[in-house]
Amino acid sequence: MRVDPASHRVVGVRYIPSPNQDERPMDTQLSLIVIHNISLPPDEFGGSYIEQLFTNQLDPNEHSYFKKIADKKVSAHVLIRRNGELLQFVPFNKRAWHAGESNYKGRSRANDFSIGIELEGADETPYEPEQYAVLATLVDCLRIAYLSLSKEDIVGHSDIAPGRKSDPGLAFNWKKFRDLLA
């Protein structure tokens, strides 16, 4: 796995462009990786609902929960499915709309300087070994492509939006993930 420096995308990964992105502020260096989880409907895995959400194509009539979220304009740079499949929605040099109201080390607007990685999962459902392996490999590749990213600046959504967000949840094994990093 590697990140192409020209396209800012992972080579060989399916790219599904999300309209929910824009330019980062000028001269902003990437300095944070934010790990999230998502399942649509909640606590259900598989299907194309996450892709539909990130591309503004989610049908609110498909599930009662979708009525609450179908109009949200959200995205992440990448999604790691339960089987380890990696999908990319936003090039890493662009701002994905994943963190919302957030603060990291006194800096607000984490979307400006972060990369958002979604894991298909739920707060209390253990993640799959394939997800940890792909996540660690991806993070190592990102740290090679963007030297401003450090091992220390990898956090959960709950760390930058405490009280508002809980992902990646108690089921995410931070030690296991960090042990896999190069």
Protein backbone atom coordinates (compact mmCIF):
# COMPACT_ATOMS: atom_id res chain seq x y z
CA MET A 1 0.00 0.00 0.00
CA ARG A 2 1.20 3.50 -0.78
CA VAL A 3 -0.13 7.04 -1.17
CA ASP A 4 0.38 8.60 -4.60
CA PRO A 5 1.92 12.06 -4.03
CA ALA A 6 0.27 13.53 -7.14
CA SER A 7 -3.33 12.43 -6.52
CA HIS A 8 -3.12 12.18 -2.70
CA ARG A 9 -4.94 8.86 -2.96
CA VAL A 10 -4.10 5.32 -1.94
CA VAL A 11 -2.87 3.46 -5.01
CA GLY A 12 -5.12 0.60 -6.15
CA VAL A 13 -8.02 1.48 -3.86
CA ARG A 14 -11.54 2.09 -5.12
CA TYR A 15 -12.16 5.84 -5.17
CA ILE A 16 -15.73 7.09 -4.71
CA PRO A 17 -15.56 10.91 -4.80
CA SER A 18 -17.60 12.62 -2.11
CA PRO A 19 -18.97 16.10 -2.77
CA ASN A 20 -18.55 16.74 0.97
CA GLN A 21 -15.04 18.13 0.79
CA ASP A 22 -13.30 21.40 0.13
CA GLU A 23 -9.89 23.04 0.19
CA ARG A 24 -7.88 23.13 3.39
CA PRO A 25 -6.80 26.57 4.60
CA MET A 26 -3.62 27.76 2.86
CA ASP A 27 -0.33 26.56 4.34
CA THR A 28 -2.05 24.03 6.64
CA GLN A 29 0.11 21.04 7.50
CA LEU A 30 -1.50 17.70 8.28
CA SER A 31 -0.89 17.03 11.95
CA LEU A 32 -3.66 14.71 13.12
CA ILE A 33 -5.33 11.41 12.27
CA VAL A 34 -8.84 10.90 13.63
CA ILE A 35 -10.30 7.40 13.92
CA HIS A 36 -14.08 7.09 13.73
CA ASN A 37 -16.64 4.33 13.47
CA ILE A 38 -19.80 4.12 11.44
CA SER A 39 -22.51 1.57 10.79
CA LEU A 40 -25.69 2.12 8.82
CA PRO A 41 -28.24 1.37 10.05
CA PRO A 42 -26.70 1.56 13.54
CA ASP A 43 -25.03 -1.71 14.59
CA GLU A 44 -25.58 -3.28 11.16
CA PHE A 45 -22.72 -3.96 8.77
CA GLY A 46 -22.37 -4.43 5.04
CA GLY A 47 -24.26 -2.87 2.16
CA SER A 48 -23.76 0.47 0.47
CA TYR A 49 -25.44 2.83 2.94
CA ILE A 50 -22.17 4.40 4.15
CA GLU A 51 -21.14 5.11 0.56
CA GLN A 52 -24.58 6.59 -0.07
CA LEU A 53 -24.28 8.84 3.00
CA PHE A 54 -20.84 10.11 2.00
CA THR A 55 -22.05 10.84 -1.55
CA ASN A 56 -25.38 12.48 -0.53
CA GLN A 57 -27.43 9.63 -2.04
CA LEU A 58 -28.89 8.07 1.12
CA ASP A 59 -32.63 7.46 0.70
CA PRO A 60 -34.42 8.55 3.90
CA ASN A 61 -37.21 6.04 3.16
CA GLU A 62 -34.89 3.00 3.30
CA HIS A 63 -34.77 2.96 7.12
CA SER A 64 -36.33 5.08 9.87
CA TYR A 65 -32.87 6.11 11.15
CA PHE A 66 -31.96 7.50 7.74
CA LYS A 67 -34.62 10.20 8.05
CA LYS A 68 -32.43 11.81 10.78
CA ILE A 69 -29.21 11.77 8.78
CA ALA A 70 -30.03 11.77 5.04
CA ASP A 71 -29.59 15.55 4.76
CA LYS A 72 -26.23 15.63 6.59
CA LYS A 73 -23.22 16.60 4.50
CA VAL A 74 -20.45 14.38 5.87
CA SER A 75 -17.51 12.41 4.58
CA ALA A 76 -14.24 10.86 5.60
CA HIS A 77 -11.05 10.43 3.67
CA VAL A 78 -11.30 6.64 3.84
CA LEU A 79 -13.47 3.80 5.11
CA ILE A 80 -12.16 0.43 6.26
CA ARG A 81 -14.88 -2.21 5.97
CA ARG A 82 -15.22 -5.19 8.35
CA ASN A 83 -13.38 -7.44 5.86
CA GLY A 84 -10.48 -4.98 5.55
CA GLU A 85 -11.57 -3.49 2.22
CA LEU A 86 -10.36 0.10 1.94
CA LEU A 87 -12.43 2.72 0.12
CA GLN A 88 -11.39 6.33 -0.43
CA PHE A 89 -13.83 9.26 -0.64
CA VAL A 90 -11.64 12.36 -0.34
CA PRO A 91 -8.00 12.92 -1.40
CA PHE A 92 -5.79 13.51 1.63
CA ASN A 93 -4.82 17.03 0.54
CA LYS A 94 -8.49 18.08 0.69
CA ARG A 95 -10.60 18.72 3.77
CA ALA A 96 -13.13 15.95 4.46
CA TRP A 97 -16.10 16.83 6.62
CA HIS A 98 -15.66 14.25 9.39
CA ALA A 99 -14.84 15.89 12.71
CA GLY A 100 -17.46 18.61 13.10
CA GLU A 101 -17.07 20.88 16.12
CA SER A 102 -13.76 19.74 17.56
CA ASN A 103 -10.62 20.74 19.41
CA TYR A 104 -7.16 19.21 19.54
CA LYS A 105 -4.35 20.67 21.64
CA GLY A 106 -6.08 24.03 21.70
CA ARG A 107 -6.77 24.11 17.96
CA SER A 108 -10.38 24.12 16.84
CA ARG A 109 -11.71 22.97 13.47
CA ALA A 110 -9.82 19.68 13.31
CA ASN A 111 -11.08 19.06 9.76
CA ASP A 112 -8.62 21.75 8.66
CA PHE A 113 -5.52 19.77 9.68
CA SER A 114 -6.60 16.14 10.02
CA ILE A 115 -7.24 12.97 8.08
CA GLY A 116 -10.46 11.15 8.94
CA ILE A 117 -10.49 7.36 8.90
CA GLU A 118 -13.81 5.55 9.37
CA LEU A 119 -13.93 1.98 10.55
CA GLU A 120 -17.10 0.08 9.77
CA GLY A 121 -18.10 -0.69 13.31
CA ALA A 122 -19.89 0.31 16.47
CA ASP A 123 -18.70 1.47 19.89
CA GLU A 124 -19.28 -1.87 21.62
CA THR A 125 -18.68 -4.31 18.77
CA PRO A 126 -15.12 -5.68 18.55
CA TYR A 127 -13.29 -4.70 15.38
CA GLU A 128 -11.97 -7.34 13.02
CA PRO A 129 -8.26 -8.25 12.82
CA GLU A 130 -8.30 -7.28 9.13
CA GLN A 131 -9.41 -3.78 10.08
CA TYR A 132 -6.55 -3.32 12.53
CA ALA A 133 -4.04 -4.62 9.96
CA VAL A 134 -5.28 -2.32 7.19
CA LEU A 135 -5.55 0.64 9.57
CA ALA A 136 -1.97 0.23 10.79
CA THR A 137 -0.61 -0.20 7.26
CA LEU A 138 -2.55 2.85 6.07
CA VAL A 139 -1.35 5.00 8.97
CA ASP A 140 2.25 3.94 8.32
CA CYS A 141 1.83 4.89 4.64
CA LEU A 142 0.31 8.25 5.58
CA ARG A 143 3.21 8.97 7.92
CA ILE A 144 5.63 8.27 5.04
CA ALA A 145 3.68 10.43 2.58
CA TYR A 146 3.07 13.26 5.04
CA LEU A 147 6.07 13.63 7.33
CA SER A 148 4.18 16.11 9.52
CA LEU A 149 2.05 13.23 10.91
CA SER A 150 3.35 11.56 14.06
CA LYS A 151 2.45 8.40 15.95
CA GLU A 152 1.43 10.52 18.92
CA ASP A 153 -1.16 12.49 17.00
CA ILE A 154 -3.60 9.67 16.30
CA VAL A 155 -6.83 10.02 18.25
CA GLY A 156 -10.42 8.92 18.37
CA HIS A 157 -13.30 11.19 17.47
CA SER A 158 -14.22 11.10 21.16
CA ASP A 159 -10.86 12.70 22.01
CA ILE A 160 -11.50 15.81 19.93
CA ALA A 161 -15.25 16.06 20.58
CA PRO A 162 -15.67 14.74 24.14
CA GLY A 163 -19.24 14.49 25.34
CA ARG A 164 -20.49 14.86 21.77
CA LYS A 165 -18.90 11.79 20.19
CA SER A 166 -17.94 8.36 21.53
CA ASP A 167 -16.26 6.68 18.57
CA PRO A 168 -14.29 4.60 17.90
CA GLY A 169 -15.72 3.33 21.20
CA LEU A 170 -14.72 1.07 24.02
CA ALA A 171 -14.37 -1.89 21.65
CA PHE A 172 -11.44 -0.27 19.84
CA ASN A 173 -8.18 -1.76 21.13
CA TRP A 174 -5.69 1.11 21.06
CA LYS A 175 -2.79 -1.04 22.29
CA LYS A 176 -3.37 -3.66 19.59
CA PHE A 177 -3.49 -0.93 16.94
CA ARG A 178 -0.37 0.90 18.20
CA ASP A 179 1.55 -2.39 18.45
CA LEU A 180 0.94 -2.93 14.73
CA LEU A 181 2.42 0.42 13.71
CA ALA A 182 5.93 0.39 12.25
